[in-house]
């Protein structure tokens, strides 16, 4: 038997870590002094301790490490699965780094901002409240469905959309919720009797104004906007630059 301090020196695991693994049942001490609570370890535990250190250094969770120790026949497959997850995570990180490099480069460039006069714009919107923490908000399918249904209903009512859609985000009463207005511009004001099954509608008219805009070209290869990551799609870089326009 060796003391916990000696075992820590042999394995590279700290005394604190060994106590924690003992309490979690991942690496129980071979013997505990009933009077002092002092832990002792056997030479046969060196391999398990070294395995824990290696797997934790590789970034495996405690649950996964425990599973490897309990199911040695599946250890290779479990480690391969973890490696695949790390590779996927690294690919996302590399993409984010490339995007960040581009954004930082663009940040020092002056955007080609132009202005134009826009007359009064009538609009009709679907109003919906979503929880910011919900995973569903990362998937644009539900919003696309509302846009498509509203577009179809407006067209059938003889007042089809006359331009691109937009989304207005307003804080809701709850701190973890926001109200979204999924909006289409239309030629005529929205009639009072216009409705869409299962949806709350709003309508109004934007006053005439002078708006700033940035014209951009779409390449054959679409920009990577991290659609498949937590938080959903990024703003297009040109939109981000427009938001920095003073005054």
C-alpha atoms as a PDB file:
ATOM      1  CA  UNK A   1       0.000   0.000   0.000  1.00  0.00           C
ATOM      2  CA  UNK A   2       1.092   3.559  -0.664  1.00  0.00           C
ATOM      3  CA  UNK A   3      -0.152   6.765   0.870  1.00  0.00           C
ATOM      4  CA  UNK A   4      -2.330   9.111  -1.132  1.00  0.00           C
ATOM      5  CA  UNK A   5       0.595  11.524  -1.412  1.00  0.00           C
ATOM      6  CA  UNK A   6       2.915   8.877  -2.829  1.00  0.00           C
ATOM      7  CA  UNK A   7       0.206   7.651  -5.186  1.00  0.00           C
ATOM      8  CA  UNK A   8      -0.280  11.215  -6.406  1.00  0.00           C
ATOM      9  CA  UNK A   9       3.433  11.478  -7.205  1.00  0.00           C
ATOM     10  CA  UNK A  10       3.381   8.178  -9.108  1.00  0.00           C
ATOM     11  CA  UNK A  11       0.287   8.979 -11.192  1.00  0.00           C
ATOM     12  CA  UNK A  12       0.489  12.730 -11.723  1.00  0.00           C
ATOM     13  CA  UNK A  13      -2.990  13.141 -10.240  1.00  0.00           C
ATOM     14  CA  UNK A  14      -3.238  15.667  -7.430  1.00  0.00           C
ATOM     15  CA  UNK A  15      -4.241  14.626  -3.921  1.00  0.00           C
ATOM     16  CA  UNK A  16      -7.357  16.746  -4.319  1.00  0.00           C
ATOM     17  CA  UNK A  17      -8.256  14.940  -7.553  1.00  0.00           C
ATOM     18  CA  UNK A  18      -7.714  11.517  -5.971  1.00  0.00           C
ATOM     19  CA  UNK A  19     -10.037  12.428  -3.099  1.00  0.00           C
ATOM     20  CA  UNK A  20     -12.634  13.609  -5.601  1.00  0.00           C
ATOM     21  CA  UNK A  21     -12.410  10.433  -7.699  1.00  0.00           C
ATOM     22  CA  UNK A  22     -12.737   8.377  -4.516  1.00  0.00           C
ATOM     23  CA  UNK A  23     -15.847  10.275  -3.428  1.00  0.00           C
ATOM     24  CA  UNK A  24     -17.360   9.874  -6.907  1.00  0.00           C
ATOM     25  CA  UNK A  25     -16.607   6.137  -6.878  1.00  0.00           C
ATOM     26  CA  UNK A  26     -14.514   6.414 -10.036  1.00  0.00           C
ATOM     27  CA  UNK A  27     -11.276   5.405  -8.303  1.00  0.00           C
ATOM     28  CA  UNK A  28     -12.046   4.277  -4.736  1.00  0.00           C
ATOM     29  CA  UNK A  29      -9.116   4.098  -2.341  1.00  0.00           C
ATOM     30  CA  UNK A  30      -7.955   0.552  -1.634  1.00  0.00           C
ATOM     31  CA  UNK A  31      -8.051   1.218   2.084  1.00  0.00           C
ATOM     32  CA  UNK A  32      -9.185   4.027   4.373  1.00  0.00           C
ATOM     33  CA  UNK A  33      -7.944   4.436   7.937  1.00  0.00           C
ATOM     34  CA  UNK A  34     -11.143   4.414  10.027  1.00  0.00           C
ATOM     35  CA  UNK A  35      -9.594   6.642  12.672  1.00  0.00           C
ATOM     36  CA  UNK A  36      -8.042   9.337  10.485  1.00  0.00           C
ATOM     37  CA  UNK A  37      -9.872   8.893   7.161  1.00  0.00           C
ATOM     38  CA  UNK A  38      -6.491   8.744   5.459  1.00  0.00           C
ATOM     39  CA  UNK A  39      -6.551   7.002   2.081  1.00  0.00           C
ATOM     40  CA  UNK A  40      -4.162   4.327   0.828  1.00  0.00           C
ATOM     41  CA  UNK A  41      -3.803   2.924  -2.680  1.00  0.00           C
ATOM     42  CA  UNK A  42      -2.585  -0.370  -4.127  1.00  0.00           C
ATOM     43  CA  UNK A  43      -0.077  -0.862  -6.924  1.00  0.00           C
ATOM     44  CA  UNK A  44      -2.800  -2.529  -8.980  1.00  0.00           C
ATOM     45  CA  UNK A  45      -4.644   0.814  -9.171  1.00  0.00           C
ATOM     46  CA  UNK A  46      -1.845   2.561 -11.050  1.00  0.00           C
ATOM     47  CA  UNK A  47      -3.232   1.584 -14.463  1.00  0.00           C
ATOM     48  CA  UNK A  48      -6.731   2.852 -13.676  1.00  0.00           C
ATOM     49  CA  UNK A  49      -5.332   6.107 -12.297  1.00  0.00           C
ATOM     50  CA  UNK A  50      -3.148   6.611 -15.371  1.00  0.00           C
ATOM     51  CA  UNK A  51      -6.112   5.862 -17.638  1.00  0.00           C
ATOM     52  CA  UNK A  52      -8.192   8.475 -15.827  1.00  0.00           C
ATOM     53  CA  UNK A  53      -5.449  11.061 -16.206  1.00  0.00           C
ATOM     54  CA  UNK A  54      -5.038  10.377 -19.928  1.00  0.00           C
ATOM     55  CA  UNK A  55      -8.769  10.437 -20.679  1.00  0.00           C
ATOM     56  CA  UNK A  56      -9.374  13.593 -18.656  1.00  0.00           C
ATOM     57  CA  UNK A  57      -6.454  15.264 -20.433  1.00  0.00           C
ATOM     58  CA  UNK A  58      -8.145  14.244 -23.698  1.00  0.00           C
ATOM     59  CA  UNK A  59     -11.216  16.161 -22.545  1.00  0.00           C
ATOM     60  CA  UNK A  60     -13.526  13.258 -21.741  1.00  0.00           C
ATOM     61  CA  UNK A  61     -16.286  13.920 -19.231  1.00  0.00           C
ATOM     62  CA  UNK A  62     -16.304  12.190 -15.853  1.00  0.00           C
ATOM     63  CA  UNK A  63     -19.300  10.142 -16.957  1.00  0.00           C
ATOM     64  CA  UNK A  64     -17.476   8.960 -20.078  1.00  0.00           C
ATOM     65  CA  UNK A  65     -14.325   8.124 -18.105  1.00  0.00           C
ATOM     66  CA  UNK A  66     -16.369   6.115 -15.642  1.00  0.00           C
ATOM     67  CA  UNK A  67     -18.015   4.261 -18.519  1.00  0.00           C
ATOM     68  CA  UNK A  68     -14.597   3.384 -19.985  1.00  0.00           C
ATOM     69  CA  UNK A  69     -13.452   1.952 -16.657  1.00  0.00           C
ATOM     70  CA  UNK A  70     -16.669  -0.009 -16.156  1.00  0.00           C
ATOM     71  CA  UNK A  71     -16.875  -1.319 -19.740  1.00  0.00           C
ATOM     72  CA  UNK A  72     -13.287  -2.006 -20.862  1.00  0.00           C
ATOM     73  CA  UNK A  73     -14.538  -3.989 -23.873  1.00  0.00           C
ATOM     74  CA  UNK A  74     -16.057  -0.757 -25.252  1.00  0.00           C
ATOM     75  CA  UNK A  75     -13.153   1.490 -24.292  1.00  0.00           C
ATOM     76  CA  UNK A  76     -11.704   1.786 -27.806  1.00  0.00           C
ATOM     77  CA  UNK A  77     -15.097   2.605 -29.341  1.00  0.00           C
ATOM     78  CA  UNK A  78     -15.872   5.154 -26.610  1.00  0.00           C
ATOM     79  CA  UNK A  79     -12.546   6.879 -27.166  1.00  0.00           C
ATOM     80  CA  UNK A  80     -13.101   6.899 -30.942  1.00  0.00           C
ATOM     81  CA  UNK A  81     -16.523   8.478 -30.426  1.00  0.00           C
ATOM     82  CA  UNK A  82     -14.985  11.160 -28.229  1.00  0.00           C
ATOM     83  CA  UNK A  83     -12.322  11.804 -30.859  1.00  0.00           C
ATOM     84  CA  UNK A  84     -15.022  12.281 -33.497  1.00  0.00           C
ATOM     85  CA  UNK A  85     -16.806  14.807 -31.263  1.00  0.00           C
ATOM     86  CA  UNK A  86     -13.567  16.713 -30.724  1.00  0.00           C
ATOM     87  CA  UNK A  87     -12.878  16.799 -34.468  1.00  0.00           C
ATOM     88  CA  UNK A  88     -16.365  18.151 -35.160  1.00  0.00           C
ATOM     89  CA  UNK A  89     -15.930  20.755 -32.434  1.00  0.00           C
ATOM     90  CA  UNK A  90     -12.540  21.719 -33.803  1.00  0.00           C
ATOM     91  CA  UNK A  91     -13.984  22.154 -37.302  1.00  0.00           C
ATOM     92  CA  UNK A  92     -16.558  24.595 -35.915  1.00  0.00           C
ATOM     93  CA  UNK A  93     -13.833  26.448 -34.010  1.00  0.00           C
ATOM     94  CA  UNK A  94     -11.692  26.692 -37.157  1.00  0.00           C
ATOM     95  CA  UNK A  95     -14.664  28.063 -39.095  1.00  0.00           C
ATOM     96  CA  UNK A  96     -15.331  30.621 -36.358  1.00  0.00           C
ATOM     97  CA  UNK A  97     -11.669  31.678 -36.397  1.00  0.00           C
ATOM     98  CA  UNK A  98     -11.776  32.200 -40.184  1.00  0.00           C
ATOM     99  CA  UNK A  99     -14.966  34.249 -39.861  1.00  0.00           C
ATOM    100  CA  UNK A 100     -13.460  36.241 -37.001  1.00  0.00           C
ATOM    101  CA  UNK A 101     -10.360  37.018 -39.038  1.00  0.00           C
ATOM    102  CA  UNK A 102     -12.538  38.301 -41.861  1.00  0.00           C
ATOM    103  CA  UNK A 103     -14.691  40.381 -39.504  1.00  0.00           C
ATOM    104  CA  UNK A 104     -11.667  41.972 -37.842  1.00  0.00           C
ATOM    105  CA  UNK A 105     -10.213  42.813 -41.249  1.00  0.00           C
ATOM    106  CA  UNK A 106     -13.503  44.357 -42.384  1.00  0.00           C
ATOM    107  CA  UNK A 107     -13.782  46.327 -39.142  1.00  0.00           C
ATOM    108  CA  UNK A 108     -11.009  48.687 -40.245  1.00  0.00           C
ATOM    109  CA  UNK A 109     -12.521  49.182 -43.711  1.00  0.00           C
ATOM    110  CA  UNK A 110     -15.030  51.944 -44.373  1.00  0.00           C
ATOM    111  CA  UNK A 111     -18.279  50.485 -45.747  1.00  0.00           C
ATOM    112  CA  UNK A 112     -19.656  51.905 -48.993  1.00  0.00           C
ATOM    113  CA  UNK A 113     -22.840  53.346 -47.502  1.00  0.00           C
ATOM    114  CA  UNK A 114     -25.477  54.972 -49.689  1.00  0.00           C
ATOM    115  CA  UNK A 115     -28.841  56.529 -48.889  1.00  0.00           C
ATOM    116  CA  UNK A 116     -32.201  56.579 -50.620  1.00  0.00           C
ATOM    117  CA  UNK A 117     -35.636  58.037 -50.012  1.00  0.00           C
ATOM    118  CA  UNK A 118     -38.364  55.513 -49.270  1.00  0.00           C
ATOM    119  CA  UNK A 119     -42.029  56.425 -49.288  1.00  0.00           C
ATOM    120  CA  UNK A 120     -44.594  55.138 -46.783  1.00  0.00           C
ATOM    121  CA  UNK A 121     -44.411  51.341 -46.549  1.00  0.00           C
ATOM    122  CA  UNK A 122     -47.405  49.265 -45.526  1.00  0.00           C
ATOM    123  CA  UNK A 123     -46.624  46.017 -43.730  1.00  0.00           C
ATOM    124  CA  UNK A 124     -48.303  42.933 -42.304  1.00  0.00           C
ATOM    125  CA  UNK A 125     -46.616  40.770 -39.665  1.00  0.00           C
ATOM    126  CA  UNK A 126     -47.030  37.551 -37.757  1.00  0.00           C
ATOM    127  CA  UNK A 127     -46.411  38.251 -34.074  1.00  0.00           C
ATOM    128  CA  UNK A 128     -44.933  35.418 -32.013  1.00  0.00           C
ATOM    129  CA  UNK A 129     -43.134  35.145 -28.676  1.00  0.00           C
ATOM    130  CA  UNK A 130     -40.184  32.787 -28.276  1.00  0.00           C
ATOM    131  CA  UNK A 131     -37.955  31.780 -25.389  1.00  0.00           C
ATOM    132  CA  UNK A 132     -34.380  32.787 -26.106  1.00  0.00           C
ATOM    133  CA  UNK A 133     -33.021  29.639 -24.423  1.00  0.00           C
ATOM    134  CA  UNK A 134     -35.127  27.221 -26.504  1.00  0.00           C
ATOM    135  CA  UNK A 135     -33.151  25.060 -28.916  1.00  0.00           C
ATOM    136  CA  UNK A 136     -35.953  25.528 -31.470  1.00  0.00           C
ATOM    137  CA  UNK A 137     -34.904  29.157 -31.981  1.00  0.00           C
ATOM    138  CA  UNK A 138     -31.697  27.882 -33.596  1.00  0.00           C
ATOM    139  CA  UNK A 139     -33.748  26.288 -36.393  1.00  0.00           C
ATOM    140  CA  UNK A 140     -35.169  28.786 -38.931  1.00  0.00           C
ATOM    141  CA  UNK A 141     -37.752  26.280 -40.225  1.00  0.00           C
ATOM    142  CA  UNK A 142     -40.552  27.498 -37.949  1.00  0.00           C
ATOM    143  CA  UNK A 143     -40.000  31.138 -39.017  1.00  0.00           C
ATOM    144  CA  UNK A 144     -39.808  30.157 -42.683  1.00  0.00           C
ATOM    145  CA  UNK A 145     -43.134  28.375 -42.293  1.00  0.00           C
ATOM    146  CA  UNK A 146     -44.788  31.546 -40.964  1.00  0.00           C
ATOM    147  CA  UNK A 147     -43.276  33.650 -43.753  1.00  0.00           C
ATOM    148  CA  UNK A 148     -44.470  31.220 -46.428  1.00  0.00           C
ATOM    149  CA  UNK A 149     -47.992  30.959 -44.997  1.00  0.00           C
ATOM    150  CA  UNK A 150     -48.313  34.731 -44.656  1.00  0.00           C
ATOM    151  CA  UNK A 151     -46.968  35.280 -48.189  1.00  0.00           C
ATOM    152  CA  UNK A 152     -49.499  32.804 -49.598  1.00  0.00           C
ATOM    153  CA  UNK A 153     -52.406  34.302 -47.649  1.00  0.00           C
ATOM    154  CA  UNK A 154     -51.546  37.861 -48.706  1.00  0.00           C
ATOM    155  CA  UNK A 155     -51.236  36.805 -52.349  1.00  0.00           C
ATOM    156  CA  UNK A 156     -54.588  35.014 -52.240  1.00  0.00           C
ATOM    157  CA  UNK A 157     -56.147  38.134 -50.690  1.00  0.00           C
ATOM    158  CA  UNK A 158     -54.937  40.234 -53.635  1.00  0.00           C
ATOM    159  CA  UNK A 159     -52.320  42.122 -51.642  1.00  0.00           C
ATOM    160  CA  UNK A 160     -49.066  40.222 -52.322  1.00  0.00           C
ATOM    161  CA  UNK A 161     -45.737  41.219 -50.757  1.00  0.00           C
ATOM    162  CA  UNK A 162     -43.813  43.779 -52.815  1.00  0.00           C
ATOM    163  CA  UNK A 163     -40.330  43.346 -51.375  1.00  0.00           C
ATOM    164  CA  UNK A 164     -38.106  41.395 -49.041  1.00  0.00           C
ATOM    165  CA  UNK A 165     -39.201  40.341 -45.586  1.00  0.00           C
ATOM    166  CA  UNK A 166     -37.754  41.591 -42.303  1.00  0.00           C
ATOM    167  CA  UNK A 167     -37.841  40.624 -38.637  1.00  0.00           C
ATOM    168  CA  UNK A 168     -38.351  43.009 -35.721  1.00  0.00           C
ATOM    169  CA  UNK A 169     -37.194  41.798 -32.296  1.00  0.00           C
ATOM    170  CA  UNK A 170     -38.767  43.370 -29.196  1.00  0.00           C
ATOM    171  CA  UNK A 171     -38.296  42.378 -25.536  1.00  0.00           C
ATOM    172  CA  UNK A 172     -41.322  40.586 -24.109  1.00  0.00           C
ATOM    173  CA  UNK A 173     -42.628  40.835 -20.541  1.00  0.00           C
ATOM    174  CA  UNK A 174     -40.490  37.878 -19.407  1.00  0.00           C
ATOM    175  CA  UNK A 175     -36.738  38.428 -19.308  1.00  0.00           C
ATOM    176  CA  UNK A 176     -36.028  35.193 -21.207  1.00  0.00           C
ATOM    177  CA  UNK A 177     -38.514  35.889 -24.011  1.00  0.00           C
ATOM    178  CA  UNK A 178     -38.607  38.133 -27.062  1.00  0.00           C
ATOM    179  CA  UNK A 179     -41.438  39.105 -29.391  1.00  0.00           C
ATOM    180  CA  UNK A 180     -40.754  38.612 -33.080  1.00  0.00           C
ATOM    181  CA  UNK A 181     -42.606  40.411 -35.856  1.00  0.00           C
ATOM    182  CA  UNK A 182     -42.155  38.427 -39.065  1.00  0.00           C
ATOM    183  CA  UNK A 183     -43.031  41.074 -41.619  1.00  0.00           C
ATOM    184  CA  UNK A 184     -43.797  41.465 -45.318  1.00  0.00           C
ATOM    185  CA  UNK A 185     -44.146  44.841 -47.102  1.00  0.00           C
ATOM    186  CA  UNK A 186     -47.410  45.123 -49.064  1.00  0.00           C
ATOM    187  CA  UNK A 187     -48.883  47.568 -51.566  1.00  0.00           C
ATOM    188  CA  UNK A 188     -52.116  48.261 -49.670  1.00  0.00           C
ATOM    189  CA  UNK A 189     -52.761  48.641 -45.920  1.00  0.00           C
ATOM    190  CA  UNK A 190     -53.699  45.364 -44.249  1.00  0.00           C
ATOM    191  CA  UNK A 191     -57.512  45.021 -44.104  1.00  0.00           C
ATOM    192  CA  UNK A 192     -59.101  44.660 -40.666  1.00  0.00           C
ATOM    193  CA  UNK A 193     -60.705  41.331 -41.565  1.00  0.00           C
ATOM    194  CA  UNK A 194     -57.481  39.723 -42.828  1.00  0.00           C
ATOM    195  CA  UNK A 195     -56.468  36.700 -40.728  1.00  0.00           C
ATOM    196  CA  UNK A 196     -54.186  33.682 -40.702  1.00  0.00           C
ATOM    197  CA  UNK A 197     -55.214  30.497 -38.909  1.00  0.00           C
ATOM    198  CA  UNK A 198     -53.267  29.914 -35.711  1.00  0.00           C
ATOM    199  CA  UNK A 199     -51.351  33.195 -35.916  1.00  0.00           C
ATOM    200  CA  UNK A 200     -51.609  36.639 -34.359  1.00  0.00           C
ATOM    201  CA  UNK A 201     -51.307  39.326 -37.028  1.00  0.00           C
ATOM    202  CA  UNK A 202     -50.298  42.950 -36.849  1.00  0.00           C
ATOM    203  CA  UNK A 203     -50.156  45.607 -39.536  1.00  0.00           C
ATOM    204  CA  UNK A 204     -49.134  49.202 -39.947  1.00  0.00           C
ATOM    205  CA  UNK A 205     -47.365  51.742 -42.117  1.00  0.00           C
ATOM    206  CA  UNK A 206     -43.783  52.917 -41.883  1.00  0.00           C
ATOM    207  CA  UNK A 207     -43.495  56.670 -42.588  1.00  0.00           C
ATOM    208  CA  UNK A 208     -41.478  57.948 -45.513  1.00  0.00           C
ATOM    209  CA  UNK A 209     -37.830  58.293 -44.609  1.00  0.00           C
ATOM    210  CA  UNK A 210     -34.255  58.323 -45.831  1.00  0.00           C
ATOM    211  CA  UNK A 211     -32.606  54.981 -45.212  1.00  0.00           C
ATOM    212  CA  UNK A 212     -28.968  53.951 -45.362  1.00  0.00           C
ATOM    213  CA  UNK A 213     -27.993  50.779 -47.181  1.00  0.00           C
ATOM    214  CA  UNK A 214     -24.991  48.779 -48.300  1.00  0.00           C
ATOM    215  CA  UNK A 215     -25.037  46.972 -51.621  1.00  0.00           C
ATOM    216  CA  UNK A 216     -23.255  43.637 -51.674  1.00  0.00           C
ATOM    217  CA  UNK A 217     -22.664  40.907 -54.232  1.00  0.00           C
ATOM    218  CA  UNK A 218     -23.479  37.268 -53.608  1.00  0.00           C
ATOM    219  CA  UNK A 219     -20.648  34.943 -54.566  1.00  0.00           C
ATOM    220  CA  UNK A 220     -21.115  31.489 -56.030  1.00  0.00           C
ATOM    221  CA  UNK A 221     -20.010  30.117 -52.660  1.00  0.00           C
ATOM    222  CA  UNK A 222     -22.312  31.188 -49.848  1.00  0.00           C
ATOM    223  CA  UNK A 223     -20.830  32.849 -46.781  1.00  0.00           C
ATOM    224  CA  UNK A 224     -20.432  30.636 -43.734  1.00  0.00           C
ATOM    225  CA  UNK A 225     -22.772  32.194 -41.156  1.00  0.00           C
ATOM    226  CA  UNK A 226     -22.562  29.360 -38.596  1.00  0.00           C
ATOM    227  CA  UNK A 227     -26.167  28.326 -39.235  1.00  0.00           C
ATOM    228  CA  UNK A 228     -25.553  24.953 -37.581  1.00  0.00           C
ATOM    229  CA  UNK A 229     -24.245  26.276 -34.258  1.00  0.00           C
ATOM    230  CA  UNK A 230     -25.877  27.375 -31.018  1.00  0.00           C
ATOM    231  CA  UNK A 231     -27.313  30.862 -31.381  1.00  0.00           C
ATOM    232  CA  UNK A 232     -28.334  30.341 -34.991  1.00  0.00           C
ATOM    233  CA  UNK A 233     -27.378  32.263 -38.107  1.00  0.00           C
ATOM    234  CA  UNK A 234     -24.989  35.213 -37.841  1.00  0.00           C
ATOM    235  CA  UNK A 235     -25.830  38.591 -39.270  1.00  0.00           C
ATOM    236  CA  UNK A 236     -24.286  39.013 -42.700  1.00  0.00           C
ATOM    237  CA  UNK A 237     -21.005  40.908 -42.479  1.00  0.00           C
ATOM    238  CA  UNK A 238     -22.386  43.788 -44.536  1.00  0.00           C
ATOM    239  CA  UNK A 239     -25.309  44.158 -42.124  1.00  0.00           C
ATOM    240  CA  UNK A 240     -22.909  44.244 -39.181  1.00  0.00           C
ATOM    241  CA  UNK A 241     -20.910  46.975 -40.889  1.00  0.00           C
ATOM    242  CA  UNK A 242     -24.051  48.994 -41.585  1.00  0.00           C
ATOM    243  CA  UNK A 243     -24.903  48.972 -37.877  1.00  0.00           C
ATOM    244  CA  UNK A 244     -21.627  50.817 -37.214  1.00  0.00           C
ATOM    245  CA  UNK A 245     -22.583  53.845 -39.304  1.00  0.00           C
ATOM    246  CA  UNK A 246     -22.521  56.963 -37.068  1.00  0.00           C
ATOM    247  CA  UNK A 247     -25.583  59.177 -36.810  1.00  0.00           C
END
